[in-house]
Amino acid sequence: MGSSCVLPLVALLLLCGSGLTLGGNILVIPAEYSHWINMRVIVDELVARNHSVTVLTHSATPSIKFSQKENFKTIIFKISMEEEETRALWLMFFNIWMNEGTSGFQTALLFWNMWSDMERFGMAICDGMLLNKELIASLKASNFDAVLFDPVMMCSDLLAEILDLPRILSYRLMFAHTNERLCGQLPVPPSYVPAGASQGHLSDKMNFMERVENMLLYIVQTTFVQLQGILLIDNYYTKITGKPTTMCETIGKADIWLIRTYWDFEYPRPLLPNFKFVGGLHCKPAKPLPKEMEEFVQSSGDDGIVVFSLGSMINNLTKERANAIASGLGQIPQKVLWRYSGQKPDTLAPNTKLYDWIPQNDLLGHPKTKAFVTHGGTNGLYEAIYHGVPMVGIPLFGDQPDNLFHMKTKGAAEIVEFLKMTSGDLKEALTAVITNPSYKESMMRLSRIHHDRPVKALDEAVYWIEFVMRNKGAKHLRVEAHNLTWYQYHCLDVIAFLLVIVALVIFIFVKTCKWLFRKCCRRSSAKSKKE
């Protein structure tokens, strides 16, 4: 082989080698269930782009499962709880929201017990992660370039602070926008940005009384979060760091906030330069269905199919709820594919087929799909937007009522209440969504908005992670508000100063007028006496 051939080959190998060595080293700290499903897509893409990824989780995780591969490894730290305990804890959490026939006092008591158990679970994670000196030393020695974390995983923000790494936060704006408002310094005018805590009945178009309600929700939610921080969390953070530290302070140090929504879903609102919308990053074109499932779908004829799923967390329902749902589904002409692993309902009709698991994205992308019945989780909602499938929402807990109300105000969904709905309510909502073309048209409009973006959501998410690694942070995108006190942020000191100046000017003016008045009066009096 001549030297003329060898040199280009060597250059090519060097270029390839440089590409291999330039890959970043990223620590990922995910949360459970749908949060992990969403973040896993980013992890896979980072690995595909030749970055080394280390996922950190605890020994009792009920949902974060993975297999080792090149450039991908996991670190599992031991906590004082077992996986069976955490599964039971999450199951209790879901059951409380779907509990029927309990009084208000009983529900409050269940919530109190659940909250205590959740606090114990969170502290077990924090202790297992932060009091493990060997783990901390190992993570520091790994020379990570950045950390990608979900703040729902307790103390993940504090670990990032201890490791002193550039950080990217994966988040969903919700619950009166407390974290992004108080910690991220995101401007959130309550006059037209509805509180996520409204449980899905406030939009960006509010009358006077709705704005009053919205303001009260902001106040209540802010008070609750701050009290929780003061009484439960901040003392722990201060103890671990050895200096006064708050959770809001550590979360607020995130260089980039990757928000799991987009303008197809969100109401127009102010943003900061380090907040990036990447909603729908897990969405992809539909693949062919399994043969047996495709045959069932094709048997629907011109009526088409309905896809029904209440998410990966809900695998069972009470007998009464399951029968009401099955009865409602049996009254529509469409075939129904229902993801449900509980006891077979007595009222299950021939048009409905139960599955322990369904390829949800592929079904929503099937041309015969007419509607999607969903609990309103962000992942499923975005798959429906991606494929342009109108929805019937059955919100259960968390941000789901707010998510579905967004879709309803945009004309793409109907909502039925889980604990109050009858079979007739479900049938009526499905019939409206399937037969009224306005729902499909609205959803197709949102789908066009979703697809008509300068950069694909996954590419944008990975770009900003790589940006943070390349630049060792993105401090230039963080507003100066992080360094201001609350009274400086609201210019209360400036207002007070100006009021003092105005008061002083008024005081001097009044005193001067009085003095001139008295002087004029004296002169007038003296002149009168002389005359």
Protein backbone atom coordinates (compact mmCIF):
# COMPACT_ATOMS: atom_id res chain seq x y z
CA MET A 1 0.00 0.00 0.00
CA GLY A 2 1.45 3.37 -1.02
CA SER A 3 2.05 6.22 1.35
CA SER A 4 -0.60 8.23 -0.47
CA CYS A 5 -3.20 5.69 0.65
CA VAL A 6 -1.82 5.25 4.17
CA LEU A 7 -1.91 8.93 5.16
CA PRO A 8 -5.65 9.47 4.48
CA LEU A 9 -6.41 6.22 6.30
CA VAL A 10 -4.38 7.30 9.33
CA ALA A 11 -6.06 10.71 9.28
CA LEU A 12 -9.47 9.03 9.15
CA LEU A 13 -8.62 6.78 12.08
CA LEU A 14 -7.37 9.76 14.07
CA LEU A 15 -10.60 11.62 13.37
CA CYS A 16 -12.67 8.63 14.42
CA GLY A 17 -10.51 8.21 17.50
CA SER A 18 -10.91 11.86 18.41
CA GLY A 19 -14.66 11.48 18.11
CA LEU A 20 -14.52 8.55 20.46
CA THR A 21 -12.44 10.39 23.05
CA LEU A 22 -14.53 13.55 22.91
CA GLY A 23 -17.61 11.81 24.32
CA GLY A 24 -18.81 13.24 27.62
CA ASN A 25 -19.15 11.51 30.98
CA ILE A 26 -22.64 12.05 32.42
CA LEU A 27 -24.22 11.09 35.72
CA VAL A 28 -28.00 10.51 35.50
CA ILE A 29 -30.28 10.44 38.56
CA PRO A 30 -33.83 9.53 37.46
CA ALA A 31 -37.16 9.33 39.27
CA GLU A 32 -39.65 6.46 39.07
CA TYR A 33 -42.21 5.19 36.54
CA SER A 34 -43.16 7.61 33.73
CA HIS A 35 -40.37 9.99 34.75
CA TRP A 36 -37.83 7.24 34.06
CA ILE A 37 -39.54 6.26 30.81
CA ASN A 38 -39.09 9.83 29.61
CA MET A 39 -35.50 10.21 30.79
CA ARG A 40 -34.51 6.78 29.45
CA VAL A 41 -35.02 8.10 25.90
CA ILE A 42 -32.43 10.81 26.57
CA VAL A 43 -30.05 8.26 28.11
CA ASP A 44 -30.28 5.98 25.07
CA GLU A 45 -29.62 8.88 22.72
CA LEU A 46 -26.61 10.04 24.74
CA VAL A 47 -25.16 6.52 24.62
CA ALA A 48 -25.85 6.35 20.88
CA ARG A 49 -23.86 9.59 20.49
CA ASN A 50 -20.87 8.00 22.20
CA HIS A 51 -21.23 9.60 25.62
CA SER A 52 -20.58 7.54 28.73
CA VAL A 53 -23.66 7.44 30.95
CA THR A 54 -23.88 6.28 34.56
CA VAL A 55 -27.35 5.89 36.07
CA LEU A 56 -27.56 6.17 39.85
CA THR A 57 -30.52 4.67 41.68
CA HIS A 58 -31.39 2.90 44.92
CA SER A 59 -31.77 -0.78 45.77
CA ALA A 60 -35.55 -0.61 46.34
CA THR A 61 -36.54 0.94 43.01
CA PRO A 62 -39.81 -0.58 41.73
CA SER A 63 -39.53 0.65 38.14
CA ILE A 64 -35.99 1.59 37.06
CA LYS A 65 -34.73 -1.51 35.29
CA PHE A 66 -31.96 -1.70 32.69
CA SER A 67 -29.32 -3.90 31.14
CA GLN A 68 -25.65 -3.07 30.92
CA LYS A 69 -24.23 -2.05 27.58
CA GLU A 70 -21.20 -0.32 26.17
CA ASN A 71 -20.75 3.23 27.51
CA PHE A 72 -23.60 2.60 29.94
CA LYS A 73 -23.39 1.45 33.53
CA THR A 74 -25.44 1.61 36.69
CA ILE A 75 -24.64 2.28 40.32
CA ILE A 76 -27.16 0.98 42.87
CA PHE A 77 -26.82 2.21 46.43
CA LYS A 78 -28.40 0.39 49.35
CA ILE A 79 -31.24 1.97 51.34
CA SER A 80 -33.02 0.84 54.50
CA MET A 81 -36.21 -0.20 52.65
CA GLU A 82 -36.90 -3.20 50.44
CA GLU A 83 -38.44 -3.16 46.97
CA GLU A 84 -41.63 -4.80 48.28
CA GLU A 85 -42.07 -1.93 50.75
CA THR A 86 -41.69 0.73 48.08
CA ARG A 87 -44.10 -1.07 45.74
CA ALA A 88 -46.65 -1.22 48.56
CA LEU A 89 -46.06 2.46 49.27
CA TRP A 90 -46.67 3.49 45.65
CA LEU A 91 -49.71 1.21 45.49
CA MET A 92 -51.15 2.91 48.58
CA PHE A 93 -50.49 6.29 46.95
CA PHE A 94 -52.45 5.30 43.84
CA ASN A 95 -55.28 3.66 45.79
CA ILE A 96 -55.90 6.73 47.95
CA TRP A 97 -56.57 8.85 44.86
CA MET A 98 -58.96 6.23 43.51
CA ASN A 99 -60.57 5.34 46.82
CA GLU A 100 -64.35 5.06 46.79
CA GLY A 101 -66.80 5.12 49.68
CA THR A 102 -64.53 6.79 52.26
CA SER A 103 -65.40 9.86 54.29
CA GLY A 104 -63.43 13.08 54.16
CA PHE A 105 -61.89 12.30 57.57
CA GLN A 106 -60.84 8.81 56.48
CA THR A 107 -59.30 10.17 53.29
CA ALA A 108 -57.41 12.85 55.25
CA LEU A 109 -56.10 10.18 57.64
CA LEU A 110 -54.97 8.01 54.72
CA PHE A 111 -53.20 10.97 53.16
CA TRP A 112 -51.45 11.75 56.45
CA ASN A 113 -50.22 8.18 56.81
CA MET A 114 -49.13 8.10 53.18
CA TRP A 115 -47.28 11.40 53.54
CA SER A 116 -45.44 10.09 56.61
CA ASP A 117 -44.44 6.94 54.74
CA MET A 118 -43.34 8.97 51.71
CA GLU A 119 -41.23 11.18 53.98
CA ARG A 120 -39.62 8.07 55.49
CA PHE A 121 -38.99 6.72 51.97
CA GLY A 122 -37.43 10.00 50.86
CA MET A 123 -35.16 10.19 53.90
CA ALA A 124 -34.07 6.58 53.32
CA ILE A 125 -33.00 7.54 49.79
CA CYS A 126 -31.20 10.66 51.00
CA ASP A 127 -29.34 8.79 53.75
CA GLY A 128 -28.41 5.92 51.44
CA MET A 129 -27.09 8.35 48.84
CA LEU A 130 -25.42 11.07 50.90
CA LEU A 131 -24.16 9.27 54.02
CA ASN A 132 -22.36 6.63 51.95
CA LYS A 133 -18.81 8.00 51.95
CA GLU A 134 -17.55 5.32 49.58
CA LEU A 135 -20.28 6.19 47.05
CA ILE A 136 -19.52 9.93 47.24
CA ALA A 137 -15.78 9.29 46.86
CA SER A 138 -16.39 7.00 43.90
CA LEU A 139 -18.63 9.54 42.18
CA LYS A 140 -16.09 12.32 42.72
CA ALA A 141 -13.33 10.12 41.30
CA SER A 142 -15.40 9.38 38.18
CA ASN A 143 -14.78 12.90 36.84
CA PHE A 144 -18.27 13.45 35.47
CA ASP A 145 -18.74 16.38 33.11
CA ALA A 146 -22.37 17.02 34.14
CA VAL A 147 -25.33 15.56 36.01
CA LEU A 148 -28.83 15.11 34.58
CA PHE A 149 -31.36 14.74 37.38
CA ASP A 150 -35.07 14.69 38.13
CA PRO A 151 -35.88 16.68 41.31
CA VAL A 152 -38.66 14.20 42.12
CA MET A 153 -35.81 11.87 43.15
CA MET A 154 -35.17 13.11 46.68
CA CYS A 155 -31.80 14.79 47.33
CA SER A 156 -30.62 14.42 43.72
CA ASP A 157 -30.11 18.20 43.64
CA LEU A 158 -28.11 18.06 46.87
CA LEU A 159 -25.87 15.33 45.48
CA ALA A 160 -25.20 17.49 42.41
CA GLU A 161 -24.28 20.32 44.80
CA ILE A 162 -21.89 18.10 46.77
CA LEU A 163 -20.23 16.86 43.58
CA ASP A 164 -20.05 20.48 42.34
CA LEU A 165 -21.02 19.53 38.79
CA PRO A 166 -22.77 21.45 36.02
CA ARG A 167 -26.35 20.28 36.17
CA ILE A 168 -29.33 19.79 33.87
CA LEU A 169 -32.76 19.40 35.42
CA SER A 170 -35.56 17.36 33.81
CA TYR A 171 -38.91 18.72 34.91
CA ARG A 172 -42.62 19.20 34.23
CA LEU A 173 -44.12 22.60 35.14
CA MET A 174 -46.87 21.90 37.68
CA PHE A 175 -48.38 22.57 41.12
CA ALA A 176 -48.67 26.38 41.07
CA HIS A 177 -45.29 26.46 39.30
CA THR A 178 -43.62 26.59 42.73
CA ASN A 179 -40.16 25.18 42.00
CA GLU A 180 -39.59 27.06 38.76
CA ARG A 181 -41.09 30.22 40.27
CA LEU A 182 -39.35 30.22 43.66
CA CYS A 183 -36.19 28.30 42.76
CA GLY A 184 -35.74 28.89 39.03
CA GLN A 185 -36.84 32.57 39.20
CA LEU A 186 -39.25 32.05 36.31
CA PRO A 187 -41.72 34.96 36.01
CA VAL A 188 -45.22 33.57 36.61
CA PRO A 189 -47.92 36.29 36.52
CA PRO A 190 -50.97 34.84 38.33
CA SER A 191 -53.22 37.09 36.25
CA TYR A 192 -52.94 34.74 33.26
CA VAL A 193 -50.78 31.75 34.29
CA PRO A 194 -53.12 29.28 36.04
CA ALA A 195 -51.88 27.43 39.10
CA GLY A 196 -51.26 23.76 38.46
CA ALA A 197 -52.89 23.15 41.85
CA SER A 198 -56.25 24.23 40.42
CA GLN A 199 -56.88 20.57 39.55
CA GLY A 200 -57.85 21.39 36.01
CA HIS A 201 -60.45 24.13 35.85
CA LEU A 202 -58.46 27.33 35.29
CA SER A 203 -57.05 28.39 31.93
CA ASP A 204 -55.09 31.47 30.87
CA LYS A 205 -58.40 33.27 30.29
CA MET A 206 -59.73 34.04 33.80
CA ASN A 207 -62.48 36.34 34.99
CA PHE A 208 -62.14 38.33 38.21
CA MET A 209 -63.26 35.58 40.61
CA GLU A 210 -61.06 33.02 38.86
CA ARG A 211 -58.09 35.35 39.25
CA VAL A 212 -58.94 35.64 42.94
CA GLU A 213 -59.00 31.85 43.19
CA ASN A 214 -55.76 31.58 41.24
CA MET A 215 -54.01 34.05 43.53
CA LEU A 216 -55.20 32.16 46.61
CA LEU A 217 -53.97 28.89 45.13
CA TYR A 218 -50.55 30.42 44.54
CA ILE A 219 -50.43 31.70 48.13
CA VAL A 220 -51.53 28.37 49.64
CA GLN A 221 -49.16 26.30 47.49
CA THR A 222 -46.23 28.63 48.12
CA THR A 223 -46.87 28.61 51.87
CA PHE A 224 -47.13 24.81 51.93
CA VAL A 225 -43.90 24.29 49.98
CA GLN A 226 -41.95 26.82 52.01
CA LEU A 227 -43.18 25.39 55.32
CA GLN A 228 -42.31 21.90 54.12
CA GLY A 229 -38.83 23.15 53.27
CA ILE A 230 -38.33 24.93 56.58
CA LEU A 231 -39.72 22.13 58.77
CA LEU A 232 -38.55 19.00 56.94
CA ILE A 233 -36.01 19.45 54.16
CA ASP A 234 -33.81 22.51 54.66
CA ASN A 235 -32.53 21.37 58.07
CA TYR A 236 -31.41 18.10 56.52
CA TYR A 237 -29.66 19.93 53.67
CA THR A 238 -27.90 22.21 56.18
CA LYS A 239 -26.82 19.20 58.25
CA ILE A 240 -25.34 17.42 55.20
CA THR A 241 -23.47 20.44 53.80
CA GLY A 242 -22.42 21.92 57.15
CA LYS A 243 -23.66 25.37 56.17
CA PRO A 244 -27.11 27.00 55.77
CA THR A 245 -28.56 25.37 52.62
CA THR A 246 -32.08 25.16 51.23
CA MET A 247 -33.56 22.80 48.67
CA CYS A 248 -34.71 25.77 46.60
CA GLU A 249 -31.17 27.10 46.53
CA THR A 250 -29.71 23.82 45.23
CA ILE A 251 -32.45 23.28 42.63
CA GLY A 252 -32.07 26.89 41.50
CA LYS A 253 -28.42 26.26 40.60
CA ALA A 254 -29.45 24.11 37.63
CA ASP A 255 -27.79 25.43 34.47
CA ILE A 256 -30.55 24.21 32.15
CA TRP A 257 -34.17 23.24 32.86
CA LEU A 258 -35.47 20.70 30.34
CA ILE A 259 -39.25 21.10 30.50
CA ARG A 260 -41.25 18.08 29.33
CA THR A 261 -43.92 20.09 27.46
CA TYR A 262 -44.12 22.39 24.44
CA TRP A 263 -46.28 25.19 23.02
CA ASP A 264 -48.69 22.67 21.53
CA PHE A 265 -49.71 22.04 25.15
CA GLU A 266 -48.69 25.09 27.19
CA TYR A 267 -50.53 28.40 27.38
CA PRO A 268 -48.35 31.33 26.19
CA ARG A 269 -46.26 32.59 29.09
CA PRO A 270 -42.87 34.21 29.89
CA LEU A 271 -39.73 32.08 29.80
CA LEU A 272 -36.09 32.47 30.82
CA PRO A 273 -33.17 31.64 28.52
CA ASN A 274 -32.17 28.51 30.49
CA PHE A 275 -35.67 26.98 30.29
CA LYS A 276 -35.98 24.71 27.24
CA PHE A 277 -39.23 23.00 26.15
CA VAL A 278 -38.61 19.43 24.96
CA GLY A 279 -42.11 17.96 25.19
CA GLY A 280 -42.64 14.78 23.17
CA LEU A 281 -38.99 13.80 22.95
CA HIS A 282 -39.98 10.13 23.33
CA CYS A 283 -42.47 10.20 20.43
CA LYS A 284 -41.65 8.36 17.20
CA PRO A 285 -43.37 6.99 14.09
CA ALA A 286 -45.60 3.96 14.58
CA LYS A 287 -44.26 0.46 13.89
CA PRO A 288 -46.33 -2.52 12.67
CA LEU A 289 -48.48 -4.20 15.32
CA PRO A 290 -48.10 -7.83 16.40
CA LYS A 291 -50.02 -10.10 14.03
CA GLU A 292 -52.83 -11.09 16.42
CA MET A 293 -53.35 -7.48 17.50
CA GLU A 294 -53.38 -6.27 13.90
CA GLU A 295 -56.06 -8.84 13.04
CA PHE A 296 -58.24 -7.57 15.90
CA VAL A 297 -57.72 -3.96 14.78
CA GLN A 298 -58.59 -4.79 11.18
CA SER A 299 -61.76 -6.57 12.30
CA SER A 300 -63.12 -3.18 13.41
CA GLY A 301 -63.92 -2.24 9.81
CA ASP A 302 -64.84 1.37 9.14
CA ASP A 303 -65.74 2.01 12.80
CA GLY A 304 -62.08 1.84 13.84
CA ILE A 305 -60.63 1.33 17.30
CA VAL A 306 -60.31 3.03 20.68
CA VAL A 307 -57.09 2.71 22.69
CA PHE A 308 -57.58 2.65 26.47
CA SER A 309 -54.78 2.93 29.04
CA LEU A 310 -54.56 4.42 32.52
CA GLY A 311 -50.77 4.29 32.47
CA SER A 312 -48.04 1.99 33.68
CA MET A 313 -48.79 2.64 37.36
CA ILE A 314 -52.41 1.46 37.41
CA ASN A 315 -52.85 -2.28 36.95
CA ASN A 316 -56.05 -2.87 38.89
CA LEU A 317 -59.40 -1.19 39.65
CA THR A 318 -62.28 -1.87 42.01
CA LYS A 319 -64.90 -4.22 40.64
CA GLU A 320 -67.49 -1.43 40.45
CA ARG A 321 -65.20 0.91 38.49
CA ALA A 322 -64.04 -1.82 36.12
CA ASN A 323 -67.63 -2.88 35.41
CA ALA A 324 -68.75 0.71 34.78
CA ILE A 325 -65.88 1.25 32.34
CA ALA A 326 -66.41 -2.08 30.55
CA SER A 327 -70.13 -1.38 30.22
CA GLY A 328 -69.50 2.06 28.73
CA LEU A 329 -66.96 0.67 26.25
CA GLY A 330 -69.43 -2.02 25.21
CA GLN A 331 -71.93 0.61 24.06
CA ILE A 332 -69.80 2.04 21.24
CA PRO A 333 -69.40 0.49 17.76
CA GLN A 334 -65.60 0.68 17.80
CA LYS A 335 -63.31 -2.15 18.87
CA VAL A 336 -61.44 -1.34 22.10
CA LEU A 337 -57.93 -2.36 23.14
CA TRP A 338 -57.77 -1.92 26.92
CA ARG A 339 -54.51 -2.18 28.81
CA TYR A 340 -55.71 -3.78 32.04
CA SER A 341 -54.28 -6.64 34.09
CA GLY A 342 -56.90 -6.76 36.85
CA GLN A 343 -59.80 -9.17 37.24
CA LYS A 344 -61.89 -9.48 34.07
CA PRO A 345 -65.00 -7.26 34.44
CA ASP A 346 -68.37 -9.02 34.43
CA THR A 347 -69.71 -6.49 31.91
CA LEU A 348 -66.88 -6.89 29.39
CA ALA A 349 -68.39 -6.75 25.88
CA PRO A 350 -67.22 -8.65 22.75
CA ASN A 351 -65.88 -5.43 21.22
CA THR A 352 -63.35 -4.99 24.03
CA LYS A 353 -60.14 -6.95 24.44
CA LEU A 354 -57.91 -6.83 27.53
CA TYR A 355 -54.11 -6.73 27.33
CA ASP A 356 -51.47 -6.78 30.07
CA TRP A 357 -49.37 -4.55 27.82
CA ILE A 358 -50.01 -2.68 24.58
CA PRO A 359 -47.65 -0.94 22.12
CA GLN A 360 -49.36 2.37 22.87
CA ASN A 361 -47.36 4.56 20.48
CA ASP A 362 -47.85 2.12 17.59
CA LEU A 363 -51.59 1.85 18.25
CA LEU A 364 -52.02 5.63 18.43
CA GLY A 365 -50.22 5.89 15.11
CA HIS A 366 -52.48 3.31 13.45
CA PRO A 367 -54.85 4.77 10.82
CA LYS A 368 -57.87 3.00 12.38
CA THR A 369 -57.46 4.66 15.79
CA LYS A 370 -60.35 7.06 16.47
CA ALA A 371 -59.81 8.02 20.12
CA PHE A 372 -57.53 7.54 23.09
CA VAL A 373 -58.90 7.06 26.63
CA THR A 374 -56.16 8.14 29.02
CA HIS A 375 -55.44 9.19 32.60
CA GLY A 376 -53.60 12.25 31.29
CA GLY A 377 -49.96 11.40 31.92
CA THR A 378 -47.59 13.62 29.95
CA ASN A 379 -46.00 10.76 28.00
CA GLY A 380 -49.27 9.34 26.66
CA LEU A 381 -50.66 12.82 26.07
CA TYR A 382 -47.72 13.67 23.83
CA GLU A 383 -47.99 10.43 21.89
CA ALA A 384 -51.61 11.36 21.16
CA ILE A 385 -50.57 14.87 20.06
CA TYR A 386 -47.78 13.44 17.90
CA HIS A 387 -50.21 11.15 16.05
CA GLY A 388 -53.19 13.54 16.12
CA VAL A 389 -55.59 11.35 18.14
CA PRO A 390 -58.35 13.12 20.17
CA MET A 391 -58.77 12.05 23.79
CA VAL A 392 -61.21 11.20 26.52
CA GLY A 393 -59.50 11.95 29.81
CA ILE A 394 -60.02 10.17 33.13
CA PRO A 395 -57.62 12.07 35.43
CA LEU A 396 -56.52 10.27 38.58
CA PHE A 397 -53.89 12.28 40.49
CA GLY A 398 -50.97 14.69 40.33
CA ASP A 399 -50.74 16.89 37.25
CA GLN A 400 -53.23 14.79 35.26
CA PRO A 401 -56.35 16.98 35.83
CA ASP A 402 -54.35 20.04 34.77
CA ASN A 403 -52.90 18.23 31.73
CA LEU A 404 -56.30 17.16 30.47
CA PHE A 405 -57.90 20.53 31.10
CA HIS A 406 -55.24 22.05 28.86
CA MET A 407 -56.31 19.66 26.11
CA LYS A 408 -59.99 20.33 26.71
CA THR A 409 -59.54 24.11 26.46
CA LYS A 410 -57.72 23.54 23.18
CA GLY A 411 -60.73 21.58 21.87
CA ALA A 412 -58.96 18.20 21.63
CA ALA A 413 -60.41 16.27 24.59
CA GLU A 414 -63.38 15.54 26.83
CA ILE A 415 -63.03 14.78 30.55
CA VAL A 416 -64.97 12.41 32.80
CA GLU A 417 -64.42 12.10 36.56
CA PHE A 418 -63.08 8.72 37.64
CA LEU A 419 -65.06 8.36 40.88
CA LYS A 420 -68.32 9.84 39.54
CA MET A 421 -68.54 8.63 35.96
CA THR A 422 -71.20 6.16 34.87
CA SER A 423 -71.05 3.90 31.85
CA GLY A 424 -73.28 6.43 30.10
CA ASP A 425 -70.85 9.27 30.83
CA LEU A 426 -67.98 7.34 29.25
CA LYS A 427 -70.05 6.38 26.22
CA GLU A 428 -71.26 9.95 25.75
CA ALA A 429 -67.73 11.38 25.92
CA LEU A 430 -66.36 8.80 23.47
CA THR A 431 -69.24 9.32 21.06
CA ALA A 432 -68.67 13.09 21.10
CA VAL A 433 -64.94 12.82 20.50
CA ILE A 434 -65.29 10.25 17.70
CA THR A 435 -68.30 11.65 15.83
CA ASN A 436 -67.70 15.41 16.21
CA PRO A 437 -64.97 16.34 13.69
CA SER A 438 -63.93 19.42 15.69
CA TYR A 439 -62.00 17.27 18.18
CA LYS A 440 -59.96 15.61 15.46
CA GLU A 441 -59.37 18.95 13.72
CA SER A 442 -58.18 20.54 16.97
CA MET A 443 -55.84 17.66 17.70
CA MET A 444 -54.43 17.73 14.17
CA ARG A 445 -53.76 21.46 14.61
CA LEU A 446 -51.81 20.72 17.80
CA SER A 447 -50.00 17.90 16.00
CA ARG A 448 -48.91 20.27 13.23
CA ILE A 449 -47.60 22.72 15.84
CA HIS A 450 -45.75 19.87 17.55
CA HIS A 451 -44.04 18.75 14.33
CA ASP A 452 -43.37 22.27 13.02
CA ARG A 453 -40.40 23.12 15.22
CA PRO A 454 -36.85 24.10 14.22
CA VAL A 455 -35.21 21.22 16.10
CA LYS A 456 -36.63 17.86 17.15
CA ALA A 457 -37.31 17.66 20.87
CA LEU A 458 -34.81 14.85 21.55
CA ASP A 459 -32.09 16.59 19.54
CA GLU A 460 -32.68 19.80 21.48
CA ALA A 461 -32.52 18.01 24.84
CA VAL A 462 -29.25 16.31 23.94
CA TYR A 463 -27.85 19.53 22.43
CA TRP A 464 -28.29 21.44 25.69
CA ILE A 465 -26.78 18.61 27.73
CA GLU A 466 -23.76 18.62 25.42
CA PHE A 467 -23.71 22.44 25.58
CA VAL A 468 -23.45 22.33 29.36
CA MET A 469 -20.63 19.78 29.16
CA ARG A 470 -18.71 21.74 26.51
CA ASN A 471 -18.97 25.02 28.42
CA LYS A 472 -18.74 23.55 31.92
CA GLY A 473 -22.12 25.01 32.75
CA ALA A 474 -24.42 27.70 31.42
CA LYS A 475 -24.17 30.36 34.09
CA HIS A 476 -24.49 33.08 31.45
CA LEU A 477 -28.11 31.98 30.91
CA ARG A 478 -29.09 32.25 34.58
CA VAL A 479 -30.77 35.53 35.51
CA GLU A 480 -29.33 37.80 38.19
CA ALA A 481 -32.55 37.28 40.17
CA HIS A 482 -30.86 34.26 41.79
CA ASN A 483 -28.53 36.66 43.62
CA LEU A 484 -31.23 39.06 44.82
CA THR A 485 -33.20 38.95 48.05
CA TRP A 486 -36.99 38.78 47.84
CA TYR A 487 -37.36 42.50 48.57
CA GLN A 488 -34.70 43.40 45.99
CA TYR A 489 -36.39 41.17 43.37
CA HIS A 490 -39.69 43.01 43.86
CA CYS A 491 -37.90 46.38 44.16
CA LEU A 492 -39.48 46.93 47.56
CA ASP A 493 -36.34 48.70 48.79
CA VAL A 494 -36.44 51.00 45.74
CA ILE A 495 -40.16 51.65 46.24
CA ALA A 496 -39.56 52.39 49.93
CA PHE A 497 -36.71 54.76 49.05
CA LEU A 498 -38.83 56.60 46.46
CA LEU A 499 -41.74 56.85 48.89
CA VAL A 500 -39.41 58.34 51.50
CA ILE A 501 -38.16 60.85 48.91
CA VAL A 502 -41.72 61.74 47.89
CA ALA A 503 -42.75 62.03 51.53
CA LEU A 504 -39.72 64.21 52.25
CA VAL A 505 -40.48 66.48 49.28
CA ILE A 506 -44.12 66.77 50.36
CA PHE A 507 -43.02 67.48 53.93
CA ILE A 508 -40.59 70.21 52.81
CA PHE A 509 -43.20 71.65 50.44
CA VAL A 510 -45.85 71.78 53.19
CA LYS A 511 -43.42 73.28 55.70
CA THR A 512 -42.30 75.86 53.14
CA CYS A 513 -45.90 76.77 52.31
CA LYS A 514 -46.72 77.14 56.00
CA TRP A 515 -43.65 79.31 56.55
CA LEU A 516 -44.49 81.51 53.56
CA PHE A 517 -48.10 81.70 54.66
CA ARG A 518 -47.11 82.77 58.17
CA LYS A 519 -44.61 85.31 56.80
CA CYS A 520 -47.23 86.77 54.45
CA CYS A 521 -49.73 86.93 57.29
CA ARG A 522 -47.22 88.78 59.52
CA ARG A 523 -46.45 91.33 56.79
CA SER A 524 -50.15 91.84 56.10
CA SER A 525 -50.83 92.28 59.82
CA ALA A 526 -47.95 94.77 60.23
CA LYS A 527 -49.14 96.76 57.23
CA SER A 528 -52.68 96.91 58.64
CA LYS A 529 -51.43 98.20 61.95
CA LYS A 530 -49.41 100.98 60.29
CA GLU A 531 -52.46 102.08 58.31
